[in-house]
Amino acid sequence: MKKLHILLASSLFSGASLFSGSGIFDSFAIVESTFYDLNAVTVNPDFNGANLGSFDLSDSITIGGQLKSFKNNGTDVTGALISYVIYEAGNRPVTPSFSSVSYSFQVDSVNSVSGDQQWGTNVEGANGSDGAASISLSSFSAGNYKIEVFASITTNGVDAGNPIFDNVGGSNYTADFTVIPEPSAYGLIVGALGLLSLRRRR
């Protein structure tokens, strides 16, 4: 019984931990054309804990990604994607409903290593067009938000899990951003306050 518990616990930390046939390395989220490290150690900022900045209600946020996968022992990687959900800070849904962005296959034999492949949404990675999702903020209310993401690959299941997740042991990667009123709305607010102040003086 103890052996079973250990096996199940270890499977929570990595989709590839129980299988040697395939896995994910060097994964990134791409937000507004900026690369953020997920399961990678580069000069890029880390996505987890990042502040993505402020956006107004007329803006949209583009999100895509890139990852590298490995395969051996008869495993074939058949697809890759990034999944995301956005919610108000401090109000995470009990069961978040994630949307997914599929990656295009980009590079075979990365760095001349057979079986290492690159997948992504970005044109710089060899796509004919950008495959990032564009998320309109027009229906959002002003406030603080979180965007939670994880990456995954699908395989043929030969000596490998299917799917395999890059999700920080199930807790996922999370960054913050703020939605502010449109500049024109700020102008109206300032104008209204000015008129109110003028009336009080009179």
C-alpha atoms as a PDB file:
ATOM      1  CA  MET A   1       0.000   0.000   0.000  1.00  0.00           C
ATOM      2  CA  LYS A   2       2.807   2.421   0.801  1.00  0.00           C
ATOM      3  CA  LYS A   3       4.407   1.784  -2.578  1.00  0.00           C
ATOM      4  CA  LEU A   4       1.167   2.755  -4.327  1.00  0.00           C
ATOM      5  CA  HIS A   5       0.961   6.015  -2.377  1.00  0.00           C
ATOM      6  CA  ILE A   6       4.542   6.918  -3.315  1.00  0.00           C
ATOM      7  CA  LEU A   7       3.853   6.190  -6.983  1.00  0.00           C
ATOM      8  CA  LEU A   8       0.769   8.390  -7.052  1.00  0.00           C
ATOM      9  CA  ALA A   9       2.495  11.243  -5.206  1.00  0.00           C
ATOM     10  CA  SER A  10       5.439  11.251  -7.587  1.00  0.00           C
ATOM     11  CA  SER A  11       3.113  11.413 -10.581  1.00  0.00           C
ATOM     12  CA  LEU A  12       1.749  14.753  -9.366  1.00  0.00           C
ATOM     13  CA  PHE A  13       5.073  16.517  -9.719  1.00  0.00           C
ATOM     14  CA  SER A  14       5.839  15.837 -13.365  1.00  0.00           C
ATOM     15  CA  GLY A  15       3.984  14.307 -16.252  1.00  0.00           C
ATOM     16  CA  ALA A  16       7.256  12.847 -17.461  1.00  0.00           C
ATOM     17  CA  SER A  17       8.572  11.579 -14.135  1.00  0.00           C
ATOM     18  CA  LEU A  18       7.176   8.061 -14.574  1.00  0.00           C
ATOM     19  CA  PHE A  19       8.035   7.752 -18.261  1.00  0.00           C
ATOM     20  CA  SER A  20      11.356   8.043 -20.052  1.00  0.00           C
ATOM     21  CA  GLY A  21       9.982   8.240 -23.582  1.00  0.00           C
ATOM     22  CA  SER A  22       9.119  11.948 -23.736  1.00  0.00           C
ATOM     23  CA  GLY A  23       9.019  15.242 -21.854  1.00  0.00           C
ATOM     24  CA  ILE A  24       9.105  19.038 -22.059  1.00  0.00           C
ATOM     25  CA  PHE A  25      12.072  21.344 -21.614  1.00  0.00           C
ATOM     26  CA  ASP A  26      12.716  25.053 -22.218  1.00  0.00           C
ATOM     27  CA  SER A  27       9.076  26.170 -22.186  1.00  0.00           C
ATOM     28  CA  PHE A  28       7.964  29.795 -22.487  1.00  0.00           C
ATOM     29  CA  ALA A  29       4.819  31.905 -22.409  1.00  0.00           C
ATOM     30  CA  ILE A  30       4.768  34.756 -24.934  1.00  0.00           C
ATOM     31  CA  VAL A  31       2.667  37.714 -23.776  1.00  0.00           C
ATOM     32  CA  GLU A  32       2.487  40.811 -25.964  1.00  0.00           C
ATOM     33  CA  SER A  33       5.522  39.476 -27.915  1.00  0.00           C
ATOM     34  CA  THR A  34       7.631  39.221 -24.737  1.00  0.00           C
ATOM     35  CA  PHE A  35       9.064  35.803 -23.834  1.00  0.00           C
ATOM     36  CA  TYR A  36       8.631  34.708 -20.210  1.00  0.00           C
ATOM     37  CA  ASP A  37      10.329  31.620 -18.788  1.00  0.00           C
ATOM     38  CA  LEU A  38       8.100  28.772 -17.673  1.00  0.00           C
ATOM     39  CA  ASN A  39      10.226  25.629 -17.418  1.00  0.00           C
ATOM     40  CA  ALA A  40      13.366  27.391 -18.633  1.00  0.00           C
ATOM     41  CA  VAL A  41      16.339  29.255 -17.197  1.00  0.00           C
ATOM     42  CA  THR A  42      17.253  32.123 -19.532  1.00  0.00           C
ATOM     43  CA  VAL A  43      17.744  35.892 -19.425  1.00  0.00           C
ATOM     44  CA  ASN A  44      13.987  36.273 -19.998  1.00  0.00           C
ATOM     45  CA  PRO A  45      11.829  37.253 -17.002  1.00  0.00           C
ATOM     46  CA  ASP A  46      10.040  34.443 -15.188  1.00  0.00           C
ATOM     47  CA  PHE A  47       6.311  34.250 -15.872  1.00  0.00           C
ATOM     48  CA  ASN A  48       5.523  32.917 -12.410  1.00  0.00           C
ATOM     49  CA  GLY A  49       5.043  35.933 -10.142  1.00  0.00           C
ATOM     50  CA  ALA A  50       5.534  38.470 -12.957  1.00  0.00           C
ATOM     51  CA  ASN A  51       3.611  41.739 -13.202  1.00  0.00           C
ATOM     52  CA  LEU A  52       2.581  42.099 -16.851  1.00  0.00           C
ATOM     53  CA  GLY A  53       1.631  45.755 -16.435  1.00  0.00           C
ATOM     54  CA  SER A  54      -1.526  47.809 -16.965  1.00  0.00           C
ATOM     55  CA  PHE A  55      -4.025  47.660 -19.826  1.00  0.00           C
ATOM     56  CA  ASP A  56      -7.110  49.753 -20.463  1.00  0.00           C
ATOM     57  CA  LEU A  57     -10.523  48.466 -21.501  1.00  0.00           C
ATOM     58  CA  SER A  58      -9.870  49.149 -25.194  1.00  0.00           C
ATOM     59  CA  ASP A  59      -6.795  46.881 -25.154  1.00  0.00           C
ATOM     60  CA  SER A  60      -6.404  43.185 -25.784  1.00  0.00           C
ATOM     61  CA  ILE A  61      -3.744  40.817 -24.478  1.00  0.00           C
ATOM     62  CA  THR A  62      -2.045  38.388 -26.840  1.00  0.00           C
ATOM     63  CA  ILE A  63      -0.837  35.114 -25.380  1.00  0.00           C
ATOM     64  CA  GLY A  64       1.075  32.313 -27.027  1.00  0.00           C
ATOM     65  CA  GLY A  65       4.122  30.270 -26.229  1.00  0.00           C
ATOM     66  CA  GLN A  66       6.932  27.998 -27.249  1.00  0.00           C
ATOM     67  CA  LEU A  67       8.392  24.780 -25.899  1.00  0.00           C
ATOM     68  CA  LYS A  68      10.879  22.091 -26.739  1.00  0.00           C
ATOM     69  CA  SER A  69      10.050  18.410 -26.346  1.00  0.00           C
ATOM     70  CA  PHE A  70      12.175  15.277 -26.390  1.00  0.00           C
ATOM     71  CA  LYS A  71      11.226  11.769 -27.492  1.00  0.00           C
ATOM     72  CA  ASN A  72      12.846   8.347 -27.609  1.00  0.00           C
ATOM     73  CA  ASN A  73      12.072   4.635 -27.150  1.00  0.00           C
ATOM     74  CA  GLY A  74       9.353   4.710 -29.824  1.00  0.00           C
ATOM     75  CA  THR A  75       7.518   7.709 -28.425  1.00  0.00           C
ATOM     76  CA  ASP A  76       6.110  10.266 -30.856  1.00  0.00           C
ATOM     77  CA  VAL A  77       5.053  13.769 -29.797  1.00  0.00           C
ATOM     78  CA  THR A  78       1.884  14.606 -31.711  1.00  0.00           C
ATOM     79  CA  GLY A  79       1.072  18.119 -30.525  1.00  0.00           C
ATOM     80  CA  ALA A  80       1.736  20.912 -28.037  1.00  0.00           C
ATOM     81  CA  LEU A  81      -0.203  23.799 -26.538  1.00  0.00           C
ATOM     82  CA  ILE A  82      -0.502  26.389 -23.800  1.00  0.00           C
ATOM     83  CA  SER A  83      -3.653  26.650 -21.689  1.00  0.00           C
ATOM     84  CA  TYR A  84      -4.722  29.780 -19.825  1.00  0.00           C
ATOM     85  CA  VAL A  85      -7.412  31.209 -17.576  1.00  0.00           C
ATOM     86  CA  ILE A  86      -7.921  34.782 -16.326  1.00  0.00           C
ATOM     87  CA  TYR A  87      -9.683  35.726 -13.106  1.00  0.00           C
ATOM     88  CA  GLU A  88      -9.869  38.579 -10.606  1.00  0.00           C
ATOM     89  CA  ALA A  89      -7.059  38.589  -8.055  1.00  0.00           C
ATOM     90  CA  GLY A  90      -8.187  36.879  -4.868  1.00  0.00           C
ATOM     91  CA  ASN A  91     -11.131  35.213  -6.614  1.00  0.00           C
ATOM     92  CA  ARG A  92      -9.769  32.059  -8.267  1.00  0.00           C
ATOM     93  CA  PRO A  93     -12.580  29.759  -9.433  1.00  0.00           C
ATOM     94  CA  VAL A  94     -12.827  26.415  -7.655  1.00  0.00           C
ATOM     95  CA  THR A  95     -12.695  24.722 -11.052  1.00  0.00           C
ATOM     96  CA  PRO A  96     -11.089  27.137 -13.539  1.00  0.00           C
ATOM     97  CA  SER A  97     -12.193  26.838 -17.166  1.00  0.00           C
ATOM     98  CA  PHE A  98      -9.010  26.932 -19.254  1.00  0.00           C
ATOM     99  CA  SER A  99      -8.777  27.966 -22.897  1.00  0.00           C
ATOM    100  CA  SER A 100      -6.009  26.490 -25.051  1.00  0.00           C
ATOM    101  CA  VAL A 101      -3.767  27.747 -27.845  1.00  0.00           C
ATOM    102  CA  SER A 102      -2.301  25.083 -30.129  1.00  0.00           C
ATOM    103  CA  TYR A 103       1.346  25.289 -31.133  1.00  0.00           C
ATOM    104  CA  SER A 104       2.658  24.721 -34.632  1.00  0.00           C
ATOM    105  CA  PHE A 105       5.559  22.351 -35.188  1.00  0.00           C
ATOM    106  CA  GLN A 106       8.635  24.521 -35.779  1.00  0.00           C
ATOM    107  CA  VAL A 107      12.028  22.777 -35.624  1.00  0.00           C
ATOM    108  CA  ASP A 108      13.191  19.168 -35.766  1.00  0.00           C
ATOM    109  CA  SER A 109      16.421  17.923 -34.173  1.00  0.00           C
ATOM    110  CA  VAL A 110      16.921  21.064 -32.052  1.00  0.00           C
ATOM    111  CA  ASN A 111      20.644  21.766 -31.645  1.00  0.00           C
ATOM    112  CA  SER A 112      21.267  18.659 -33.768  1.00  0.00           C
ATOM    113  CA  VAL A 113      19.832  16.374 -31.067  1.00  0.00           C
ATOM    114  CA  SER A 114      17.667  13.682 -32.661  1.00  0.00           C
ATOM    115  CA  GLY A 115      14.179  13.604 -31.143  1.00  0.00           C
ATOM    116  CA  ASP A 116      14.348  17.119 -29.708  1.00  0.00           C
ATOM    117  CA  GLN A 117      11.649  19.263 -31.328  1.00  0.00           C
ATOM    118  CA  GLN A 118      10.423  22.848 -31.020  1.00  0.00           C
ATOM    119  CA  TRP A 119       6.768  23.896 -31.044  1.00  0.00           C
ATOM    120  CA  GLY A 120       5.263  27.359 -30.752  1.00  0.00           C
ATOM    121  CA  THR A 121       2.944  30.150 -31.858  1.00  0.00           C
ATOM    122  CA  ASN A 122       5.555  32.732 -32.845  1.00  0.00           C
ATOM    123  CA  VAL A 123       6.555  33.784 -36.354  1.00  0.00           C
ATOM    124  CA  GLU A 124      10.208  34.023 -35.268  1.00  0.00           C
ATOM    125  CA  GLY A 125      10.084  30.313 -34.517  1.00  0.00           C
ATOM    126  CA  ALA A 126       9.364  29.588 -38.217  1.00  0.00           C
ATOM    127  CA  ASN A 127       5.557  29.942 -38.292  1.00  0.00           C
ATOM    128  CA  GLY A 128       4.012  31.453 -41.401  1.00  0.00           C
ATOM    129  CA  SER A 129       1.741  33.561 -39.184  1.00  0.00           C
ATOM    130  CA  ASP A 130       1.435  34.256 -35.470  1.00  0.00           C
ATOM    131  CA  GLY A 131      -0.809  31.756 -33.715  1.00  0.00           C
ATOM    132  CA  ALA A 132      -1.207  33.667 -30.429  1.00  0.00           C
ATOM    133  CA  ALA A 133      -4.662  34.175 -28.923  1.00  0.00           C
ATOM    134  CA  SER A 134      -5.951  37.742 -28.608  1.00  0.00           C
ATOM    135  CA  ILE A 135      -8.012  38.351 -25.469  1.00  0.00           C
ATOM    136  CA  SER A 136     -10.225  41.444 -25.563  1.00  0.00           C
ATOM    137  CA  LEU A 137     -10.506  43.323 -22.272  1.00  0.00           C
ATOM    138  CA  SER A 138     -13.625  45.289 -23.278  1.00  0.00           C
ATOM    139  CA  SER A 139     -15.885  43.165 -21.065  1.00  0.00           C
ATOM    140  CA  PHE A 140     -13.593  43.357 -18.030  1.00  0.00           C
ATOM    141  CA  SER A 141     -14.074  45.675 -15.064  1.00  0.00           C
ATOM    142  CA  ALA A 142     -11.219  47.849 -13.843  1.00  0.00           C
ATOM    143  CA  GLY A 143      -9.188  45.989 -11.249  1.00  0.00           C
ATOM    144  CA  ASN A 144      -6.392  43.514 -10.601  1.00  0.00           C
ATOM    145  CA  TYR A 145      -6.290  40.180 -12.406  1.00  0.00           C
ATOM    146  CA  LYS A 146      -4.279  36.997 -12.615  1.00  0.00           C
ATOM    147  CA  ILE A 147      -3.510  34.922 -15.676  1.00  0.00           C
ATOM    148  CA  GLU A 148      -2.715  31.288 -14.944  1.00  0.00           C
ATOM    149  CA  VAL A 149      -1.081  29.047 -17.549  1.00  0.00           C
ATOM    150  CA  PHE A 150       0.371  25.593 -18.121  1.00  0.00           C
ATOM    151  CA  ALA A 151       1.947  23.916 -21.138  1.00  0.00           C
ATOM    152  CA  SER A 152       1.415  20.368 -22.358  1.00  0.00           C
ATOM    153  CA  ILE A 153       2.246  17.923 -25.113  1.00  0.00           C
ATOM    154  CA  THR A 154       0.332  14.964 -26.490  1.00  0.00           C
ATOM    155  CA  THR A 155       2.064  11.722 -27.418  1.00  0.00           C
ATOM    156  CA  ASN A 156       1.293   8.365 -28.989  1.00  0.00           C
ATOM    157  CA  GLY A 157       1.461   6.854 -25.500  1.00  0.00           C
ATOM    158  CA  VAL A 158       4.362   4.529 -26.299  1.00  0.00           C
ATOM    159  CA  ASP A 159       6.606   4.525 -23.201  1.00  0.00           C
ATOM    160  CA  ALA A 160       5.201   7.959 -22.329  1.00  0.00           C
ATOM    161  CA  GLY A 161       2.288   9.601 -20.588  1.00  0.00           C
ATOM    162  CA  ASN A 162      -0.433  11.238 -22.665  1.00  0.00           C
ATOM    163  CA  PRO A 163      -0.739  14.146 -22.162  1.00  0.00           C
ATOM    164  CA  ILE A 164       2.423  15.326 -20.418  1.00  0.00           C
ATOM    165  CA  PHE A 165       2.120  18.574 -18.458  1.00  0.00           C
ATOM    166  CA  ASP A 166       4.506  21.396 -17.587  1.00  0.00           C
ATOM    167  CA  ASN A 167       2.513  22.830 -14.683  1.00  0.00           C
ATOM    168  CA  VAL A 168       4.774  23.212 -11.622  1.00  0.00           C
ATOM    169  CA  GLY A 169       3.490  20.023 -10.076  1.00  0.00           C
ATOM    170  CA  GLY A 170      -0.143  20.987 -10.666  1.00  0.00           C
ATOM    171  CA  SER A 171      -0.066  24.524  -9.240  1.00  0.00           C
ATOM    172  CA  ASN A 172       0.489  26.151 -12.672  1.00  0.00           C
ATOM    173  CA  TYR A 173       2.328  29.373 -13.538  1.00  0.00           C
ATOM    174  CA  THR A 174       0.624  32.645 -12.548  1.00  0.00           C
ATOM    175  CA  ALA A 175       1.265  36.309 -13.401  1.00  0.00           C
ATOM    176  CA  ASP A 176      -0.558  39.534 -12.507  1.00  0.00           C
ATOM    177  CA  PHE A 177      -1.889  42.435 -14.550  1.00  0.00           C
ATOM    178  CA  THR A 178      -4.157  45.426 -14.004  1.00  0.00           C
ATOM    179  CA  VAL A 179      -7.094  46.692 -16.043  1.00  0.00           C
ATOM    180  CA  ILE A 180      -7.643  50.457 -15.854  1.00  0.00           C
ATOM    181  CA  PRO A 181     -10.370  52.700 -17.319  1.00  0.00           C
ATOM    182  CA  GLU A 182      -9.771  54.069 -20.806  1.00  0.00           C
ATOM    183  CA  PRO A 183      -7.915  57.417 -20.953  1.00  0.00           C
ATOM    184  CA  SER A 184     -11.137  59.104 -22.141  1.00  0.00           C
ATOM    185  CA  ALA A 185     -12.913  57.815 -19.034  1.00  0.00           C
ATOM    186  CA  TYR A 186     -10.157  59.304 -16.881  1.00  0.00           C
ATOM    187  CA  GLY A 187     -10.768  62.628 -18.607  1.00  0.00           C
ATOM    188  CA  LEU A 188     -14.471  62.504 -17.844  1.00  0.00           C
ATOM    189  CA  ILE A 189     -13.793  61.636 -14.198  1.00  0.00           C
ATOM    190  CA  VAL A 190     -11.297  64.485 -13.814  1.00  0.00           C
ATOM    191  CA  GLY A 191     -13.702  66.866 -15.540  1.00  0.00           C
ATOM    192  CA  ALA A 192     -16.584  65.840 -13.308  1.00  0.00           C
ATOM    193  CA  LEU A 193     -14.457  66.286 -10.197  1.00  0.00           C
ATOM    194  CA  GLY A 194     -13.400  69.709 -11.433  1.00  0.00           C
ATOM    195  CA  LEU A 195     -17.017  70.819 -11.937  1.00  0.00           C
ATOM    196  CA  LEU A 196     -17.981  69.493  -8.508  1.00  0.00           C
ATOM    197  CA  SER A 197     -15.105  71.399  -6.921  1.00  0.00           C
ATOM    198  CA  LEU A 198     -16.111  74.588  -8.762  1.00  0.00           C
ATOM    199  CA  ARG A 199     -19.739  74.310  -7.585  1.00  0.00           C
ATOM    200  CA  ARG A 200     -18.638  73.805  -3.983  1.00  0.00           C
ATOM    201  CA  ARG A 201     -16.516  76.960  -4.129  1.00  0.00           C
ATOM    202  CA  ARG A 202     -19.452  78.972  -5.447  1.00  0.00           C
END
